[in-house]
């Protein structure tokens, strides 16, 4: 909510593996992620670590993102 109406050239969403959401399609969670992701003017960076890809990452439209996974 504190980011509403703000814009930044770069936005980083760190430690996505820490989000323990049983249903990433839940409306409130999707709304918060939408607000955070849409604050980026030019670059949005999604970061996570650990084994495997967090369930949250699968909710982003990968066809709109440049994939830098190693």
C-alpha atoms as a PDB file:
ATOM      1  CA  UNK A   1       0.000   0.000   0.000  1.00  0.00           C
ATOM      2  CA  UNK A   2       2.866   2.393   0.699  1.00  0.00           C
ATOM      3  CA  UNK A   3       4.069   2.018  -2.917  1.00  0.00           C
ATOM      4  CA  UNK A   4       0.744   2.883  -4.499  1.00  0.00           C
ATOM      5  CA  UNK A   5       1.161   5.704  -7.010  1.00  0.00           C
ATOM      6  CA  UNK A   6       4.978   5.578  -6.943  1.00  0.00           C
ATOM      7  CA  UNK A   7       7.236   4.572  -9.842  1.00  0.00           C
ATOM      8  CA  UNK A   8      10.893   3.557  -9.934  1.00  0.00           C
ATOM      9  CA  UNK A   9      13.296   2.817 -12.780  1.00  0.00           C
ATOM     10  CA  UNK A  10      14.287  -0.481 -11.142  1.00  0.00           C
ATOM     11  CA  UNK A  11      12.247  -2.670  -8.812  1.00  0.00           C
ATOM     12  CA  UNK A  12      13.669  -5.711  -7.056  1.00  0.00           C
ATOM     13  CA  UNK A  13      11.439  -8.388  -5.535  1.00  0.00           C
ATOM     14  CA  UNK A  14      13.940 -10.307  -3.359  1.00  0.00           C
ATOM     15  CA  UNK A  15      13.730 -13.649  -1.592  1.00  0.00           C
ATOM     16  CA  UNK A  16      10.620 -14.884  -3.383  1.00  0.00           C
ATOM     17  CA  UNK A  17      11.224 -18.312  -1.843  1.00  0.00           C
ATOM     18  CA  UNK A  18      10.282 -16.803   1.535  1.00  0.00           C
ATOM     19  CA  UNK A  19       6.654 -16.239   0.497  1.00  0.00           C
ATOM     20  CA  UNK A  20       4.682 -19.161   1.865  1.00  0.00           C
ATOM     21  CA  UNK A  21       1.406 -18.790   0.065  1.00  0.00           C
ATOM     22  CA  UNK A  22      -0.692 -21.930  -0.201  1.00  0.00           C
ATOM     23  CA  UNK A  23      -2.704 -20.408  -3.031  1.00  0.00           C
ATOM     24  CA  UNK A  24      -0.729 -17.874  -5.113  1.00  0.00           C
ATOM     25  CA  UNK A  25      -3.921 -17.093  -6.995  1.00  0.00           C
ATOM     26  CA  UNK A  26      -5.496 -15.698  -3.811  1.00  0.00           C
ATOM     27  CA  UNK A  27      -6.888 -12.269  -4.627  1.00  0.00           C
ATOM     28  CA  UNK A  28      -5.203 -10.248  -1.856  1.00  0.00           C
ATOM     29  CA  UNK A  29      -1.775 -11.742  -2.542  1.00  0.00           C
ATOM     30  CA  UNK A  30      -2.134 -11.199  -6.312  1.00  0.00           C
ATOM     31  CA  UNK A  31      -3.120  -7.589  -5.726  1.00  0.00           C
ATOM     32  CA  UNK A  32      -0.037  -6.935  -3.579  1.00  0.00           C
ATOM     33  CA  UNK A  33       2.276  -8.587  -6.109  1.00  0.00           C
ATOM     34  CA  UNK A  34       0.653  -6.595  -8.915  1.00  0.00           C
ATOM     35  CA  UNK A  35       1.225  -3.311  -7.094  1.00  0.00           C
ATOM     36  CA  UNK A  36       4.861  -4.210  -6.346  1.00  0.00           C
ATOM     37  CA  UNK A  37       5.626  -5.415  -9.886  1.00  0.00           C
ATOM     38  CA  UNK A  38       3.964  -2.515 -11.673  1.00  0.00           C
ATOM     39  CA  UNK A  39       6.044   0.100  -9.860  1.00  0.00           C
ATOM     40  CA  UNK A  40       8.931  -0.630 -12.275  1.00  0.00           C
ATOM     41  CA  UNK A  41       9.333   1.807 -15.175  1.00  0.00           C
ATOM     42  CA  UNK A  42      12.017  -0.162 -17.010  1.00  0.00           C
ATOM     43  CA  UNK A  43      13.302  -3.189 -15.065  1.00  0.00           C
ATOM     44  CA  UNK A  44      11.714  -5.683 -12.699  1.00  0.00           C
ATOM     45  CA  UNK A  45      14.064  -8.172 -11.058  1.00  0.00           C
ATOM     46  CA  UNK A  46      12.697 -11.332  -9.430  1.00  0.00           C
ATOM     47  CA  UNK A  47      15.156 -13.013  -7.053  1.00  0.00           C
ATOM     48  CA  UNK A  48      15.037 -16.320  -5.223  1.00  0.00           C
ATOM     49  CA  UNK A  49      17.462 -18.921  -3.965  1.00  0.00           C
ATOM     50  CA  UNK A  50      17.437 -22.502  -2.861  1.00  0.00           C
ATOM     51  CA  UNK A  51      16.333 -25.699  -4.520  1.00  0.00           C
ATOM     52  CA  UNK A  52      13.749 -25.425  -7.249  1.00  0.00           C
ATOM     53  CA  UNK A  53      11.588 -22.547  -8.331  1.00  0.00           C
ATOM     54  CA  UNK A  54       9.137 -21.022  -5.860  1.00  0.00           C
ATOM     55  CA  UNK A  55       5.467 -21.557  -6.717  1.00  0.00           C
ATOM     56  CA  UNK A  56       5.097 -17.788  -6.778  1.00  0.00           C
ATOM     57  CA  UNK A  57       7.366 -17.480  -9.839  1.00  0.00           C
ATOM     58  CA  UNK A  58       5.021 -19.643 -11.913  1.00  0.00           C
ATOM     59  CA  UNK A  59       2.289 -17.025 -11.453  1.00  0.00           C
ATOM     60  CA  UNK A  60       4.234 -14.395 -13.413  1.00  0.00           C
ATOM     61  CA  UNK A  61       3.686 -14.269 -17.199  1.00  0.00           C
ATOM     62  CA  UNK A  62       7.073 -15.625 -18.303  1.00  0.00           C
ATOM     63  CA  UNK A  63       6.418 -14.699 -21.931  1.00  0.00           C
ATOM     64  CA  UNK A  64       6.670 -11.055 -20.845  1.00  0.00           C
ATOM     65  CA  UNK A  65       9.888 -11.551 -18.866  1.00  0.00           C
ATOM     66  CA  UNK A  66      13.463 -12.059 -19.923  1.00  0.00           C
ATOM     67  CA  UNK A  67      14.572 -15.329 -18.337  1.00  0.00           C
ATOM     68  CA  UNK A  68      17.980 -15.211 -16.648  1.00  0.00           C
ATOM     69  CA  UNK A  69      17.667 -18.454 -14.709  1.00  0.00           C
ATOM     70  CA  UNK A  70      20.893 -20.433 -14.584  1.00  0.00           C
END
